């Protein structure tokens, strides 16, 4: 029941496209459920309001306007990460989020199984 995190980039409509669409730009996979187990530990504590909305069976879309909140939530998540795999997963997510910080044409999706 892992939660993969995917950064999507907006591709604007052009002469051969009728409308804009999003394409995958980067993936932080969670095959061993490291992220989900970490999220369960902090869920409902009030310190990670955005990450509390992650659904292991659904999708949570984080637009460019919410990346700052995501980074704040990830800092709280880093505080409870104990195992090296947990710390590495949080670090990789923070790097992904920082790449989106000043780009209005991206979105991050937390994609459950």
C-alpha atoms as a PDB file:
ATOM      1  CA  UNK A   1       0.000   0.000   0.000  1.00  0.00           C
ATOM      2  CA  UNK A   2       2.813   2.412  -0.895  1.00  0.00           C
ATOM      3  CA  UNK A   3       2.322   6.024  -1.853  1.00  0.00           C
ATOM      4  CA  UNK A   4       4.355   7.195  -4.821  1.00  0.00           C
ATOM      5  CA  UNK A   5       5.003  10.906  -5.244  1.00  0.00           C
ATOM      6  CA  UNK A   6       5.068  12.219  -8.799  1.00  0.00           C
ATOM      7  CA  UNK A   7       6.023  15.648 -10.086  1.00  0.00           C
ATOM      8  CA  UNK A   8       4.077  16.600 -13.192  1.00  0.00           C
ATOM      9  CA  UNK A   9       4.961  19.386 -15.583  1.00  0.00           C
ATOM     10  CA  UNK A  10       2.370  21.310 -17.570  1.00  0.00           C
ATOM     11  CA  UNK A  11       2.730  21.116 -21.339  1.00  0.00           C
ATOM     12  CA  UNK A  12       0.863  23.999 -22.872  1.00  0.00           C
ATOM     13  CA  UNK A  13      -1.383  23.626 -25.866  1.00  0.00           C
ATOM     14  CA  UNK A  14       0.288  24.328 -29.169  1.00  0.00           C
ATOM     15  CA  UNK A  15      -0.413  24.027 -32.862  1.00  0.00           C
ATOM     16  CA  UNK A  16      -0.703  20.242 -32.684  1.00  0.00           C
ATOM     17  CA  UNK A  17      -2.435  20.113 -29.278  1.00  0.00           C
ATOM     18  CA  UNK A  18      -5.937  21.194 -28.484  1.00  0.00           C
ATOM     19  CA  UNK A  19      -5.408  21.645 -24.773  1.00  0.00           C
ATOM     20  CA  UNK A  20      -2.740  21.671 -22.120  1.00  0.00           C
ATOM     21  CA  UNK A  21      -1.796  18.461 -20.348  1.00  0.00           C
ATOM     22  CA  UNK A  22       0.517  17.260 -17.607  1.00  0.00           C
ATOM     23  CA  UNK A  23       3.430  14.887 -18.195  1.00  0.00           C
ATOM     24  CA  UNK A  24       5.489  12.984 -15.638  1.00  0.00           C
ATOM     25  CA  UNK A  25       8.723  14.775 -14.825  1.00  0.00           C
ATOM     26  CA  UNK A  26       9.978  12.887 -11.745  1.00  0.00           C
ATOM     27  CA  UNK A  27       8.897  10.023  -9.487  1.00  0.00           C
ATOM     28  CA  UNK A  28       9.773   9.212  -5.887  1.00  0.00           C
ATOM     29  CA  UNK A  29       8.531   5.654  -5.550  1.00  0.00           C
ATOM     30  CA  UNK A  30       7.508   4.003  -2.267  1.00  0.00           C
ATOM     31  CA  UNK A  31       7.677   0.263  -3.030  1.00  0.00           C
ATOM     32  CA  UNK A  32       8.405  -0.692   0.578  1.00  0.00           C
ATOM     33  CA  UNK A  33       5.682   1.514   2.131  1.00  0.00           C
ATOM     34  CA  UNK A  34       8.288   3.642   3.915  1.00  0.00           C
ATOM     35  CA  UNK A  35       6.439   6.893   3.273  1.00  0.00           C
ATOM     36  CA  UNK A  36       3.038   5.498   4.164  1.00  0.00           C
ATOM     37  CA  UNK A  37       4.266   4.048   7.469  1.00  0.00           C
ATOM     38  CA  UNK A  38       5.878   7.384   8.311  1.00  0.00           C
ATOM     39  CA  UNK A  39       2.711   9.294   7.423  1.00  0.00           C
ATOM     40  CA  UNK A  40       0.641   7.020   9.672  1.00  0.00           C
ATOM     41  CA  UNK A  41       2.876   7.996  12.613  1.00  0.00           C
ATOM     42  CA  UNK A  42       2.207  11.735  12.255  1.00  0.00           C
ATOM     43  CA  UNK A  43      -1.363  11.571  10.954  1.00  0.00           C
ATOM     44  CA  UNK A  44      -3.892  13.583  12.922  1.00  0.00           C
ATOM     45  CA  UNK A  45      -1.335  15.288  15.132  1.00  0.00           C
ATOM     46  CA  UNK A  46      -2.063  18.706  13.644  1.00  0.00           C
ATOM     47  CA  UNK A  47       1.517  19.361  12.511  1.00  0.00           C
ATOM     48  CA  UNK A  48       1.156  18.069   8.947  1.00  0.00           C
ATOM     49  CA  UNK A  49      -2.231  19.290   7.686  1.00  0.00           C
ATOM     50  CA  UNK A  50      -1.429  18.778   4.019  1.00  0.00           C
ATOM     51  CA  UNK A  51       0.156  15.352   4.419  1.00  0.00           C
ATOM     52  CA  UNK A  52      -2.719  14.258   6.666  1.00  0.00           C
ATOM     53  CA  UNK A  53      -4.871  14.295   3.519  1.00  0.00           C
ATOM     54  CA  UNK A  54      -2.773  11.657   1.700  1.00  0.00           C
ATOM     55  CA  UNK A  55      -4.956   8.657   0.845  1.00  0.00           C
ATOM     56  CA  UNK A  56      -3.184   5.296   0.407  1.00  0.00           C
ATOM     57  CA  UNK A  57      -5.859   4.233  -2.084  1.00  0.00           C
ATOM     58  CA  UNK A  58      -6.408   7.546  -3.863  1.00  0.00           C
ATOM     59  CA  UNK A  59      -4.639  10.621  -5.095  1.00  0.00           C
ATOM     60  CA  UNK A  60      -3.797  13.963  -3.517  1.00  0.00           C
ATOM     61  CA  UNK A  61      -2.860  16.773  -5.906  1.00  0.00           C
ATOM     62  CA  UNK A  62      -0.619  19.515  -4.516  1.00  0.00           C
ATOM     63  CA  UNK A  63      -0.545  22.537  -6.778  1.00  0.00           C
ATOM     64  CA  UNK A  64       2.354  24.943  -7.096  1.00  0.00           C
ATOM     65  CA  UNK A  65       0.615  27.319  -4.686  1.00  0.00           C
ATOM     66  CA  UNK A  66       0.783  24.730  -1.870  1.00  0.00           C
ATOM     67  CA  UNK A  67       4.430  23.679  -2.212  1.00  0.00           C
ATOM     68  CA  UNK A  68       5.504  25.921   0.681  1.00  0.00           C
ATOM     69  CA  UNK A  69       3.009  24.150   2.957  1.00  0.00           C
ATOM     70  CA  UNK A  70       4.259  20.792   1.697  1.00  0.00           C
ATOM     71  CA  UNK A  71       7.839  21.748   2.582  1.00  0.00           C
ATOM     72  CA  UNK A  72       6.723  22.771   6.085  1.00  0.00           C
ATOM     73  CA  UNK A  73       4.940  19.423   6.502  1.00  0.00           C
ATOM     74  CA  UNK A  74       8.037  17.583   5.275  1.00  0.00           C
ATOM     75  CA  UNK A  75      10.175  19.342   7.907  1.00  0.00           C
ATOM     76  CA  UNK A  76       7.818  17.960  10.577  1.00  0.00           C
ATOM     77  CA  UNK A  77       7.967  14.543   8.955  1.00  0.00           C
ATOM     78  CA  UNK A  78      11.781  14.675   9.033  1.00  0.00           C
ATOM     79  CA  UNK A  79      11.659  15.177  12.800  1.00  0.00           C
ATOM     80  CA  UNK A  80       9.973  11.802  13.323  1.00  0.00           C
ATOM     81  CA  UNK A  81      11.949   9.885  10.679  1.00  0.00           C
ATOM     82  CA  UNK A  82      14.156   7.419  12.525  1.00  0.00           C
ATOM     83  CA  UNK A  83      15.409   4.781  10.108  1.00  0.00           C
ATOM     84  CA  UNK A  84      17.861   5.653   7.341  1.00  0.00           C
ATOM     85  CA  UNK A  85      15.262   4.642   4.727  1.00  0.00           C
ATOM     86  CA  UNK A  86      12.738   7.067   6.269  1.00  0.00           C
ATOM     87  CA  UNK A  87      15.213   9.942   6.358  1.00  0.00           C
ATOM     88  CA  UNK A  88      16.219   9.238   2.765  1.00  0.00           C
ATOM     89  CA  UNK A  89      12.600   9.176   1.597  1.00  0.00           C
ATOM     90  CA  UNK A  90      11.849  12.527   3.266  1.00  0.00           C
ATOM     91  CA  UNK A  91      15.039  14.029   1.817  1.00  0.00           C
ATOM     92  CA  UNK A  92      14.097  12.890  -1.697  1.00  0.00           C
ATOM     93  CA  UNK A  93      10.593  14.335  -1.311  1.00  0.00           C
ATOM     94  CA  UNK A  94      11.952  17.656  -0.073  1.00  0.00           C
ATOM     95  CA  UNK A  95      14.278  17.865  -3.082  1.00  0.00           C
ATOM     96  CA  UNK A  96      11.367  17.164  -5.412  1.00  0.00           C
ATOM     97  CA  UNK A  97       9.240  19.829  -3.705  1.00  0.00           C
ATOM     98  CA  UNK A  98      12.020  22.428  -3.799  1.00  0.00           C
ATOM     99  CA  UNK A  99      12.276  21.983  -7.564  1.00  0.00           C
ATOM    100  CA  UNK A 100       8.617  23.021  -7.754  1.00  0.00           C
ATOM    101  CA  UNK A 101       8.802  25.973  -5.404  1.00  0.00           C
ATOM    102  CA  UNK A 102       8.974  28.733  -7.997  1.00  0.00           C
ATOM    103  CA  UNK A 103       7.394  27.009 -10.980  1.00  0.00           C
ATOM    104  CA  UNK A 104       3.672  27.649 -11.503  1.00  0.00           C
ATOM    105  CA  UNK A 105       3.519  24.986 -14.228  1.00  0.00           C
ATOM    106  CA  UNK A 106       3.996  21.963 -11.967  1.00  0.00           C
ATOM    107  CA  UNK A 107       1.967  19.888  -9.567  1.00  0.00           C
ATOM    108  CA  UNK A 108       2.869  17.114  -7.193  1.00  0.00           C
ATOM    109  CA  UNK A 109       0.608  14.099  -6.834  1.00  0.00           C
ATOM    110  CA  UNK A 110       0.648  11.608  -4.003  1.00  0.00           C
ATOM    111  CA  UNK A 111      -0.603   8.480  -5.732  1.00  0.00           C
ATOM    112  CA  UNK A 112      -1.793   5.552  -3.643  1.00  0.00           C
ATOM    113  CA  UNK A 113      -2.141   1.961  -4.831  1.00  0.00           C
END
